[in-house]
Full PDB file with SEQRES, HELIX, SHEET, SSBOND, CRYST1, ORIGX, SCALE, CONECT and MASTER records, all heavy atoms in Angstrom:
SEQRES   1 A   36  ALA MET GLU ALA GLU GLY GLU ARG PHE VAL VAL GLY VAL          
SEQRES   2 A   36  GLN TRP HIS PRO GLU VAL MET MET GLN GLN SER LEU PHE          
SEQRES   3 A   36  ARG GLY PHE ILE GLU ALA ALA ARG VAL PRO                      
HELIX    1 AA1 GLN A   23  ARG A   34  1                                  12    
SHEET    1 AA1 2 MET A   2  GLU A   3  0                                        
SHEET    2 AA1 2 VAL A  11  GLY A  12 -1                                        
CRYST1    1.000    1.000    1.000  90.00  90.00  90.00 P 1           1          
ORIGX1      1.000000  0.000000  0.000000        0.00000                         
ORIGX2      0.000000  1.000000  0.000000        0.00000                         
ORIGX3      0.000000  0.000000  1.000000        0.00000                         
SCALE1      1.000000  0.000000  0.000000        0.00000                         
SCALE2      0.000000  1.000000  0.000000        0.00000                         
SCALE3      0.000000  0.000000  1.000000        0.00000                         
ATOM      1  N   ALA A   1       0.862  -1.195   0.005  1.00  0.00           N  
ATOM      2  CA  ALA A   1      -0.017   0.033  -0.041  1.00  0.00           C  
ATOM      3  C   ALA A   1       0.888   1.181  -0.024  1.00  0.00           C  
ATOM      4  O   ALA A   1       1.965   1.258   0.444  1.00  0.00           O  
ATOM      5  CB  ALA A   1      -0.922   0.031   1.144  1.00  0.00           C  
ATOM      6  N   MET A   2       0.360   2.257  -0.649  1.00  0.00           N  
ATOM      7  CA  MET A   2       1.140   3.611  -0.625  1.00  0.00           C  
ATOM      8  C   MET A   2       0.086   4.738  -0.618  1.00  0.00           C  
ATOM      9  O   MET A   2      -1.162   4.393  -1.126  1.00  0.00           O  
ATOM     10  CB  MET A   2       1.976   3.718  -1.769  1.00  0.00           C  
ATOM     11  CG  MET A   2       1.353   3.685  -3.110  1.00  0.00           C  
ATOM     12  SD  MET A   2       2.451   3.718  -4.513  1.00  0.00           S  
ATOM     13  CE  MET A   2       1.340   4.234  -5.799  1.00  0.00           C  
ATOM     14  N   GLU A   3       0.390   5.798  -0.256  1.00  0.00           N  
ATOM     15  CA  GLU A   3      -0.520   6.908  -0.321  1.00  0.00           C  
ATOM     16  C   GLU A   3       0.180   8.272  -0.596  1.00  0.00           C  
ATOM     17  O   GLU A   3       1.438   8.398  -0.303  1.00  0.00           O  
ATOM     18  CB  GLU A   3      -1.369   7.079   0.979  1.00  0.00           C  
ATOM     19  CG  GLU A   3      -0.632   7.263   2.216  1.00  0.00           C  
ATOM     20  CD  GLU A   3      -1.425   7.128   3.446  1.00  0.00           C  
ATOM     21  OE1 GLU A   3      -2.022   6.126   3.751  1.00  0.00           O  
ATOM     22  OE2 GLU A   3      -1.571   8.174   4.183  1.00  0.00           O  
ATOM     23  N   ALA A   4      -0.474   9.224  -1.307  1.00  0.00           N  
ATOM     24  CA  ALA A   4       0.177  10.392  -1.652  1.00  0.00           C  
ATOM     25  C   ALA A   4       0.448  11.165  -0.433  1.00  0.00           C  
ATOM     26  O   ALA A   4      -0.311  11.229   0.552  1.00  0.00           O  
ATOM     27  CB  ALA A   4      -0.702  11.218  -2.587  1.00  0.00           C  
ATOM     28  N   GLU A   5       1.536  11.996  -0.521  1.00  0.00           N  
ATOM     29  CA  GLU A   5       1.856  12.909   0.548  1.00  0.00           C  
ATOM     30  C   GLU A   5       0.771  14.086   0.500  1.00  0.00           C  
ATOM     31  O   GLU A   5       0.362  14.457  -0.570  1.00  0.00           O  
ATOM     32  CB  GLU A   5       3.167  13.555   0.360  1.00  0.00           C  
ATOM     33  CG  GLU A   5       4.325  12.422   0.447  1.00  0.00           C  
ATOM     34  CD  GLU A   5       5.666  12.887  -0.096  1.00  0.00           C  
ATOM     35  OE1 GLU A   5       5.766  14.055  -0.696  1.00  0.00           O  
ATOM     36  OE2 GLU A   5       6.671  12.178   0.196  1.00  0.00           O  
ATOM     37  N   GLY A   6       0.429  14.616   1.709  1.00  0.00           N  
ATOM     38  CA  GLY A   6      -0.531  15.671   1.711  1.00  0.00           C  
ATOM     39  C   GLY A   6      -1.841  15.242   2.201  1.00  0.00           C  
ATOM     40  O   GLY A   6      -2.071  14.004   2.656  1.00  0.00           O  
ATOM     41  N   GLU A   7      -2.897  16.084   2.296  1.00  0.00           N  
ATOM     42  CA  GLU A   7      -4.153  15.801   2.811  1.00  0.00           C  
ATOM     43  C   GLU A   7      -5.045  14.979   1.871  1.00  0.00           C  
ATOM     44  O   GLU A   7      -5.957  14.223   2.285  1.00  0.00           O  
ATOM     45  CB  GLU A   7      -4.813  17.128   3.237  1.00  0.00           C  
ATOM     46  CG  GLU A   7      -4.131  17.876   4.339  1.00  0.00           C  
ATOM     47  CD  GLU A   7      -4.038  16.935   5.615  1.00  0.00           C  
ATOM     48  OE1 GLU A   7      -5.020  16.315   5.926  1.00  0.00           O  
ATOM     49  OE2 GLU A   7      -3.007  16.924   6.243  1.00  0.00           O  
ATOM     50  N   ARG A   8      -4.905  15.213   0.548  1.00  0.00           N  
ATOM     51  CA  ARG A   8      -5.822  14.572  -0.354  1.00  0.00           C  
ATOM     52  C   ARG A   8      -5.713  12.993  -0.310  1.00  0.00           C  
ATOM     53  O   ARG A   8      -4.707  12.427  -0.180  1.00  0.00           O  
ATOM     54  CB  ARG A   8      -5.429  15.033  -1.788  1.00  0.00           C  
ATOM     55  CG  ARG A   8      -6.317  14.473  -2.812  1.00  0.00           C  
ATOM     56  CD  ARG A   8      -6.058  15.080  -4.209  1.00  0.00           C  
ATOM     57  NE  ARG A   8      -6.402  14.337  -5.354  1.00  0.00           N  
ATOM     58  CZ  ARG A   8      -5.580  13.957  -6.211  1.00  0.00           C  
ATOM     59  NH1 ARG A   8      -4.417  14.453  -6.345  1.00  0.00           N  
ATOM     60  NH2 ARG A   8      -6.070  13.153  -7.343  1.00  0.00           N  
ATOM     61  N   PHE A   9      -6.834  12.373  -0.434  1.00  0.00           N  
ATOM     62  CA  PHE A   9      -6.962  10.962  -0.420  1.00  0.00           C  
ATOM     63  C   PHE A   9      -6.559  10.382  -1.734  1.00  0.00           C  
ATOM     64  O   PHE A   9      -7.304  10.338  -2.709  1.00  0.00           O  
ATOM     65  CB  PHE A   9      -8.392  10.443   0.040  1.00  0.00           C  
ATOM     66  CG  PHE A   9      -8.473   8.967   0.328  1.00  0.00           C  
ATOM     67  CD1 PHE A   9      -8.658   8.569   1.562  1.00  0.00           C  
ATOM     68  CD2 PHE A   9      -8.494   8.027  -0.731  1.00  0.00           C  
ATOM     69  CE1 PHE A   9      -8.857   7.299   1.809  1.00  0.00           C  
ATOM     70  CE2 PHE A   9      -8.564   6.754  -0.534  1.00  0.00           C  
ATOM     71  CZ  PHE A   9      -8.756   6.283   0.776  1.00  0.00           C  
ATOM     72  N   VAL A  10      -5.294   9.900  -1.885  1.00  0.00           N  
ATOM     73  CA  VAL A  10      -4.872   9.176  -3.084  1.00  0.00           C  
ATOM     74  C   VAL A  10      -4.077   7.886  -2.425  1.00  0.00           C  
ATOM     75  O   VAL A  10      -2.937   8.071  -2.034  1.00  0.00           O  
ATOM     76  CB  VAL A  10      -3.901  10.000  -3.948  1.00  0.00           C  
ATOM     77  CG1 VAL A  10      -3.514   9.228  -5.159  1.00  0.00           C  
ATOM     78  CG2 VAL A  10      -4.625  11.346  -4.378  1.00  0.00           C  
ATOM     79  N   VAL A  11      -4.766   6.870  -2.470  1.00  0.00           N  
ATOM     80  CA  VAL A  11      -4.310   5.625  -1.898  1.00  0.00           C  
ATOM     81  C   VAL A  11      -4.346   4.466  -2.856  1.00  0.00           C  
ATOM     82  O   VAL A  11      -5.225   4.342  -3.646  1.00  0.00           O  
ATOM     83  CB  VAL A  11      -5.189   5.232  -0.672  1.00  0.00           C  
ATOM     84  CG1 VAL A  11      -4.780   3.932  -0.131  1.00  0.00           C  
ATOM     85  CG2 VAL A  11      -5.084   6.312   0.406  1.00  0.00           C  
ATOM     86  N   GLY A  12      -3.229   3.758  -2.886  1.00  0.00           N  
ATOM     87  CA  GLY A  12      -3.070   2.520  -3.691  1.00  0.00           C  
ATOM     88  C   GLY A  12      -2.881   1.279  -2.828  1.00  0.00           C  
ATOM     89  O   GLY A  12      -2.127   1.363  -1.861  1.00  0.00           O  
ATOM     90  N   VAL A  13      -3.554   0.318  -3.087  1.00  0.00           N  
ATOM     91  CA  VAL A  13      -3.409  -1.029  -2.389  1.00  0.00           C  
ATOM     92  C   VAL A  13      -3.017  -2.039  -3.409  1.00  0.00           C  
ATOM     93  O   VAL A  13      -3.719  -2.150  -4.425  1.00  0.00           O  
ATOM     94  CB  VAL A  13      -4.527  -1.384  -1.528  1.00  0.00           C  
ATOM     95  CG1 VAL A  13      -4.697  -0.351  -0.307  1.00  0.00           C  
ATOM     96  CG2 VAL A  13      -5.875  -1.543  -2.264  1.00  0.00           C  
ATOM     97  N   GLN A  14      -2.084  -2.894  -3.087  1.00  0.00           N  
ATOM     98  CA  GLN A  14      -1.708  -3.996  -4.040  1.00  0.00           C  
ATOM     99  C   GLN A  14      -2.740  -5.239  -3.940  1.00  0.00           C  
ATOM    100  O   GLN A  14      -2.697  -5.965  -4.875  1.00  0.00           O  
ATOM    101  CB  GLN A  14      -0.352  -4.483  -3.794  1.00  0.00           C  
ATOM    102  CG  GLN A  14       0.265  -5.398  -4.748  1.00  0.00           C  
ATOM    103  CD  GLN A  14       0.296  -4.882  -6.193  1.00  0.00           C  
ATOM    104  OE1 GLN A  14       1.157  -4.026  -6.498  1.00  0.00           O  
ATOM    105  NE2 GLN A  14      -0.647  -5.328  -7.068  1.00  0.00           N  
ATOM    106  N   TRP A  15      -3.534  -5.193  -2.939  1.00  0.00           N  
ATOM    107  CA  TRP A  15      -4.429  -6.284  -2.786  1.00  0.00           C  
ATOM    108  C   TRP A  15      -5.785  -5.951  -3.355  1.00  0.00           C  
ATOM    109  O   TRP A  15      -6.084  -4.812  -3.876  1.00  0.00           O  
ATOM    110  CB  TRP A  15      -4.525  -6.657  -1.302  1.00  0.00           C  
ATOM    111  CG  TRP A  15      -5.153  -5.680  -0.382  1.00  0.00           C  
ATOM    112  CD1 TRP A  15      -6.488  -5.556  -0.131  1.00  0.00           C  
ATOM    113  CD2 TRP A  15      -4.456  -4.830   0.515  1.00  0.00           C  
ATOM    114  NE1 TRP A  15      -6.705  -4.543   0.782  1.00  0.00           N  
ATOM    115  CE2 TRP A  15      -5.405  -4.106   1.208  1.00  0.00           C  
ATOM    116  CE3 TRP A  15      -3.097  -4.572   0.703  1.00  0.00           C  
ATOM    117  CZ2 TRP A  15      -4.972  -3.137   2.130  1.00  0.00           C  
ATOM    118  CZ3 TRP A  15      -2.672  -3.551   1.631  1.00  0.00           C  
ATOM    119  CH2 TRP A  15      -3.689  -2.891   2.335  1.00  0.00           C  
ATOM    120  N   HIS A  16      -6.804  -6.815  -3.197  1.00  0.00           N  
ATOM    121  CA  HIS A  16      -8.174  -6.597  -3.779  1.00  0.00           C  
ATOM    122  C   HIS A  16      -9.154  -6.535  -2.531  1.00  0.00           C  
ATOM    123  O   HIS A  16      -9.767  -7.544  -2.102  1.00  0.00           O  
ATOM    124  CB  HIS A  16      -8.564  -7.828  -4.671  1.00  0.00           C  
ATOM    125  CG  HIS A  16      -7.865  -7.646  -5.985  1.00  0.00           C  
ATOM    126  ND1 HIS A  16      -8.525  -7.088  -7.082  1.00  0.00           N  
ATOM    127  CD2 HIS A  16      -6.742  -8.011  -6.401  1.00  0.00           C  
ATOM    128  CE1 HIS A  16      -7.733  -7.098  -8.170  1.00  0.00           C  
ATOM    129  NE2 HIS A  16      -6.650  -7.789  -7.734  1.00  0.00           N  
ATOM    130  N   PRO A  17      -9.358  -5.338  -2.017  1.00  0.00           N  
ATOM    131  CA  PRO A  17     -10.288  -5.202  -0.856  1.00  0.00           C  
ATOM    132  C   PRO A  17     -11.744  -5.547  -1.252  1.00  0.00           C  
ATOM    133  O   PRO A  17     -12.476  -5.901  -0.342  1.00  0.00           O  
ATOM    134  CB  PRO A  17     -10.100  -3.712  -0.476  1.00  0.00           C  
ATOM    135  CG  PRO A  17      -9.663  -3.105  -1.666  1.00  0.00           C  
ATOM    136  CD  PRO A  17      -8.777  -4.074  -2.393  1.00  0.00           C  
ATOM    137  N   GLU A  18     -12.044  -5.430  -2.573  1.00  0.00           N  
ATOM    138  CA  GLU A  18     -13.426  -5.645  -2.994  1.00  0.00           C  
ATOM    139  C   GLU A  18     -13.810  -7.186  -2.874  1.00  0.00           C  
ATOM    140  O   GLU A  18     -14.914  -7.549  -2.702  1.00  0.00           O  
ATOM    141  CB  GLU A  18     -13.636  -5.164  -4.430  1.00  0.00           C  
ATOM    142  CG  GLU A  18     -13.150  -6.044  -5.455  1.00  0.00           C  
ATOM    143  CD  GLU A  18     -11.628  -5.926  -5.703  1.00  0.00           C  
ATOM    144  OE1 GLU A  18     -10.947  -5.184  -5.038  1.00  0.00           O  
ATOM    145  OE2 GLU A  18     -11.139  -6.656  -6.653  1.00  0.00           O  
ATOM    146  N   VAL A  19     -12.751  -8.039  -2.900  1.00  0.00           N  
ATOM    147  CA  VAL A  19     -12.978  -9.411  -2.934  1.00  0.00           C  
ATOM    148  C   VAL A  19     -13.382  -9.943  -1.459  1.00  0.00           C  
ATOM    149  O   VAL A  19     -14.205 -10.720  -1.242  1.00  0.00           O  
ATOM    150  CB  VAL A  19     -11.662 -10.216  -3.370  1.00  0.00           C  
ATOM    151  CG1 VAL A  19     -11.866 -11.780  -3.067  1.00  0.00           C  
ATOM    152  CG2 VAL A  19     -11.479  -9.988  -4.879  1.00  0.00           C  
ATOM    153  N   MET A  20     -12.705  -9.283  -0.437  1.00  0.00           N  
ATOM    154  CA  MET A  20     -12.979  -9.729   0.933  1.00  0.00           C  
ATOM    155  C   MET A  20     -13.893  -8.634   1.611  1.00  0.00           C  
ATOM    156  O   MET A  20     -14.032  -8.793   2.852  1.00  0.00           O  
ATOM    157  CB  MET A  20     -11.663  -9.771   1.724  1.00  0.00           C  
ATOM    158  CG  MET A  20     -10.625 -10.887   1.180  1.00  0.00           C  
ATOM    159  SD  MET A  20      -9.035 -11.026   2.102  1.00  0.00           S  
ATOM    160  CE  MET A  20      -9.729 -11.893   3.557  1.00  0.00           C  
ATOM    161  N   MET A  21     -14.415  -7.790   0.757  1.00  0.00           N  
ATOM    162  CA  MET A  21     -15.333  -6.787   1.273  1.00  0.00           C  
ATOM    163  C   MET A  21     -14.809  -6.080   2.599  1.00  0.00           C  
ATOM    164  O   MET A  21     -15.432  -5.927   3.579  1.00  0.00           O  
ATOM    165  CB  MET A  21     -16.774  -7.444   1.611  1.00  0.00           C  
ATOM    166  CG  MET A  21     -17.529  -7.681   0.348  1.00  0.00           C  
ATOM    167  SD  MET A  21     -17.870  -6.200  -0.667  1.00  0.00           S  
ATOM    168  CE  MET A  21     -19.309  -5.552   0.277  1.00  0.00           C  
ATOM    169  N   GLN A  22     -13.551  -5.606   2.438  1.00  0.00           N  
ATOM    170  CA  GLN A  22     -12.898  -4.876   3.487  1.00  0.00           C  
ATOM    171  C   GLN A  22     -13.373  -3.400   3.384  1.00  0.00           C  
ATOM    172  O   GLN A  22     -12.755  -2.581   2.843  1.00  0.00           O  
ATOM    173  CB  GLN A  22     -11.349  -5.026   3.450  1.00  0.00           C  
ATOM    174  CG  GLN A  22     -10.934  -6.380   3.808  1.00  0.00           C  
ATOM    175  CD  GLN A  22      -9.455  -6.613   3.285  1.00  0.00           C  
ATOM    176  OE1 GLN A  22      -9.010  -6.144   2.250  1.00  0.00           O  
ATOM    177  NE2 GLN A  22      -8.858  -7.523   4.118  1.00  0.00           N  
ATOM    178  N   GLN A  23     -14.593  -3.245   4.035  1.00  0.00           N  
ATOM    179  CA  GLN A  23     -15.325  -1.967   3.797  1.00  0.00           C  
ATOM    180  C   GLN A  23     -14.727  -0.749   4.414  1.00  0.00           C  
ATOM    181  O   GLN A  23     -15.113   0.358   4.065  1.00  0.00           O  
ATOM    182  CB  GLN A  23     -16.742  -2.239   4.213  1.00  0.00           C  
ATOM    183  CG  GLN A  23     -17.636  -3.020   3.263  1.00  0.00           C  
ATOM    184  CD  GLN A  23     -17.635  -2.440   1.915  1.00  0.00           C  
ATOM    185  OE1 GLN A  23     -17.026  -2.942   0.971  1.00  0.00           O  
ATOM    186  NE2 GLN A  23     -18.339  -1.278   1.698  1.00  0.00           N  
ATOM    187  N   SER A  24     -13.896  -0.957   5.442  1.00  0.00           N  
ATOM    188  CA  SER A  24     -13.359   0.221   6.158  1.00  0.00           C  
ATOM    189  C   SER A  24     -12.613   1.071   5.087  1.00  0.00           C  
ATOM    190  O   SER A  24     -12.664   2.362   5.071  1.00  0.00           O  
ATOM    191  CB  SER A  24     -12.430  -0.141   7.382  1.00  0.00           C  
ATOM    192  OG  SER A  24     -11.370  -0.904   6.876  1.00  0.00           O  
ATOM    193  N   LEU A  25     -11.860   0.477   4.233  1.00  0.00           N  
ATOM    194  CA  LEU A  25     -11.053   1.282   3.262  1.00  0.00           C  
ATOM    195  C   LEU A  25     -11.960   2.018   2.260  1.00  0.00           C  
ATOM    196  O   LEU A  25     -11.815   3.086   1.978  1.00  0.00           O  
ATOM    197  CB  LEU A  25     -10.210   0.273   2.452  1.00  0.00           C  
ATOM    198  CG  LEU A  25      -9.348   0.890   1.211  1.00  0.00           C  
ATOM    199  CD1 LEU A  25      -8.428   1.997   1.748  1.00  0.00           C  
ATOM    200  CD2 LEU A  25      -8.557  -0.219   0.606  1.00  0.00           C  
ATOM    201  N   PHE A  26     -13.006   1.295   1.741  1.00  0.00           N  
ATOM    202  CA  PHE A  26     -13.997   1.931   0.860  1.00  0.00           C  
ATOM    203  C   PHE A  26     -14.823   3.048   1.642  1.00  0.00           C  
ATOM    204  O   PHE A  26     -15.009   4.021   1.025  1.00  0.00           O  
ATOM    205  CB  PHE A  26     -14.948   0.897   0.349  1.00  0.00           C  
ATOM    206  CG  PHE A  26     -14.385   0.070  -0.722  1.00  0.00           C  
ATOM    207  CD1 PHE A  26     -13.992  -1.207  -0.459  1.00  0.00           C  
ATOM    208  CD2 PHE A  26     -14.129   0.489  -2.056  1.00  0.00           C  
ATOM    209  CE1 PHE A  26     -13.343  -2.103  -1.345  1.00  0.00           C  
ATOM    210  CE2 PHE A  26     -13.547  -0.330  -2.994  1.00  0.00           C  
ATOM    211  CZ  PHE A  26     -13.246  -1.586  -2.740  1.00  0.00           C  
ATOM    212  N   ARG A  27     -15.127   2.805   2.959  1.00  0.00           N  
ATOM    213  CA  ARG A  27     -15.713   3.853   3.641  1.00  0.00           C  
ATOM    214  C   ARG A  27     -14.899   5.128   3.785  1.00  0.00           C  
ATOM    215  O   ARG A  27     -15.397   6.320   3.641  1.00  0.00           O  
ATOM    216  CB  ARG A  27     -16.205   3.380   5.032  1.00  0.00           C  
ATOM    217  CG  ARG A  27     -17.449   2.445   4.946  1.00  0.00           C  
ATOM    218  CD  ARG A  27     -18.117   2.223   6.366  1.00  0.00           C  
ATOM    219  NE  ARG A  27     -17.154   1.565   7.299  1.00  0.00           N  
ATOM    220  CZ  ARG A  27     -17.069   0.223   7.395  1.00  0.00           C  
ATOM    221  NH1 ARG A  27     -17.873  -0.557   6.716  1.00  0.00           N  
ATOM    222  NH2 ARG A  27     -16.223  -0.292   8.282  1.00  0.00           N  
ATOM    223  N   GLY A  28     -13.616   4.913   3.990  1.00  0.00           N  
ATOM    224  CA  GLY A  28     -12.755   6.034   4.129  1.00  0.00           C  
ATOM    225  C   GLY A  28     -12.621   6.798   2.841  1.00  0.00           C  
ATOM    226  O   GLY A  28     -12.644   8.028   2.782  1.00  0.00           O  
ATOM    227  N   PHE A  29     -12.626   6.084   1.635  1.00  0.00           N  
ATOM    228  CA  PHE A  29     -12.572   6.632   0.359  1.00  0.00           C  
ATOM    229  C   PHE A  29     -13.875   7.441   0.111  1.00  0.00           C  
ATOM    230  O   PHE A  29     -13.866   8.576  -0.379  1.00  0.00           O  
ATOM    231  CB  PHE A  29     -12.410   5.573  -0.682  1.00  0.00           C  
ATOM    232  CG  PHE A  29     -12.533   6.023  -2.068  1.00  0.00           C  
ATOM    233  CD1 PHE A  29     -11.784   6.934  -2.687  1.00  0.00           C  
ATOM    234  CD2 PHE A  29     -13.582   5.467  -2.892  1.00  0.00           C  
ATOM    235  CE1 PHE A  29     -11.870   7.356  -4.006  1.00  0.00           C  
ATOM    236  CE2 PHE A  29     -13.690   5.828  -4.254  1.00  0.00           C  
ATOM    237  CZ  PHE A  29     -12.803   6.739  -4.741  1.00  0.00           C  
ATOM    238  N   ILE A  30     -14.971   6.890   0.410  1.00  0.00           N  
ATOM    239  CA  ILE A  30     -16.268   7.567   0.191  1.00  0.00           C  
ATOM    240  C   ILE A  30     -16.451   8.788   1.120  1.00  0.00           C  
ATOM    241  O   ILE A  30     -16.906   9.842   0.573  1.00  0.00           O  
ATOM    242  CB  ILE A  30     -17.540   6.570   0.474  1.00  0.00           C  
ATOM    243  CG1 ILE A  30     -17.513   5.495  -0.605  1.00  0.00           C  
ATOM    244  CG2 ILE A  30     -18.841   7.350   0.475  1.00  0.00           C  
ATOM    245  CD1 ILE A  30     -17.637   5.916  -2.010  1.00  0.00           C  
ATOM    246  N   GLU A  31     -15.948   8.663   2.354  1.00  0.00           N  
ATOM    247  CA  GLU A  31     -15.938   9.883   3.193  1.00  0.00           C  
ATOM    248  C   GLU A  31     -15.086  10.989   2.624  1.00  0.00           C  
ATOM    249  O   GLU A  31     -15.528  12.202   2.600  1.00  0.00           O  
ATOM    250  CB  GLU A  31     -15.617   9.650   4.578  1.00  0.00           C  
ATOM    251  CG  GLU A  31     -16.570   8.773   5.361  1.00  0.00           C  
ATOM    252  CD  GLU A  31     -17.894   9.405   5.358  1.00  0.00           C  
ATOM    253  OE1 GLU A  31     -18.042  10.729   5.727  1.00  0.00           O  
ATOM    254  OE2 GLU A  31     -18.936   8.792   5.070  1.00  0.00           O  
ATOM    255  N   ALA A  32     -13.967  10.687   2.073  1.00  0.00           N  
ATOM    256  CA  ALA A  32     -13.185  11.656   1.374  1.00  0.00           C  
ATOM    257  C   ALA A  32     -13.869  12.184   0.121  1.00  0.00           C  
ATOM    258  O   ALA A  32     -13.685  13.503  -0.132  1.00  0.00           O  
ATOM    259  CB  ALA A  32     -11.880  11.100   0.963  1.00  0.00           C  
ATOM    260  N   ALA A  33     -14.655  11.439  -0.541  1.00  0.00           N  
ATOM    261  CA  ALA A  33     -15.381  11.937  -1.759  1.00  0.00           C  
ATOM    262  C   ALA A  33     -16.564  12.791  -1.381  1.00  0.00           C  
ATOM    263  O   ALA A  33     -17.157  13.483  -2.233  1.00  0.00           O  
ATOM    264  CB  ALA A  33     -15.835  10.702  -2.603  1.00  0.00           C  
ATOM    265  N   ARG A  34     -16.975  12.869  -0.089  1.00  0.00           N  
ATOM    266  CA  ARG A  34     -18.043  13.763   0.307  1.00  0.00           C  
ATOM    267  C   ARG A  34     -17.559  15.167   0.337  1.00  0.00           C  
ATOM    268  O   ARG A  34     -18.385  16.054   0.344  1.00  0.00           O  
ATOM    269  CB  ARG A  34     -18.708  13.173   1.656  1.00  0.00           C  
ATOM    270  CG  ARG A  34     -19.320  11.893   1.614  1.00  0.00           C  
ATOM    271  CD  ARG A  34     -19.912  11.591   2.963  1.00  0.00           C  
ATOM    272  NE  ARG A  34     -20.368  10.167   3.014  1.00  0.00           N  
ATOM    273  CZ  ARG A  34     -21.467   9.617   2.607  1.00  0.00           C  
ATOM    274  NH1 ARG A  34     -22.369  10.364   1.988  1.00  0.00           N  
ATOM    275  NH2 ARG A  34     -21.706   8.422   2.808  1.00  0.00           N  
ATOM    276  N   VAL A  35     -16.261  15.387   0.540  1.00  0.00           N  
ATOM    277  CA  VAL A  35     -15.695  16.658   0.750  1.00  0.00           C  
ATOM    278  C   VAL A  35     -15.625  17.282  -0.565  1.00  0.00           C  
ATOM    279  O   VAL A  35     -14.977  16.675  -1.549  1.00  0.00           O  
ATOM    280  CB  VAL A  35     -14.395  16.644   1.460  1.00  0.00           C  
ATOM    281  CG1 VAL A  35     -13.786  17.957   1.616  1.00  0.00           C  
ATOM    282  CG2 VAL A  35     -14.533  15.911   2.877  1.00  0.00           C  
ATOM    283  N   PRO A  36     -16.046  18.565  -0.720  1.00  0.00           N  
ATOM    284  CA  PRO A  36     -15.841  19.254  -2.136  1.00  0.00           C  
ATOM    285  C   PRO A  36     -14.415  19.209  -2.580  1.00  0.00           C  
ATOM    286  O   PRO A  36     -13.475  19.468  -1.749  1.00  0.00           O  
ATOM    287  CB  PRO A  36     -16.395  20.590  -1.803  1.00  0.00           C  
ATOM    288  CG  PRO A  36     -17.426  20.529  -0.730  1.00  0.00           C  
ATOM    289  CD  PRO A  36     -16.752  19.323   0.102  1.00  0.00           C  
TER     290      PRO A  36                                                      
MASTER        0    0    0    1    2    0    0    6  289    1    0    3          
END                                                                             
């Protein structure tokens, strides 16, 4: 996993969170998307 420096949510994971439904990662992404 890696993420961009700074406040903006730019996160990469080498695994497949959608396969194991690891929802905390997706919820964090969605919460970031709620911010203009």
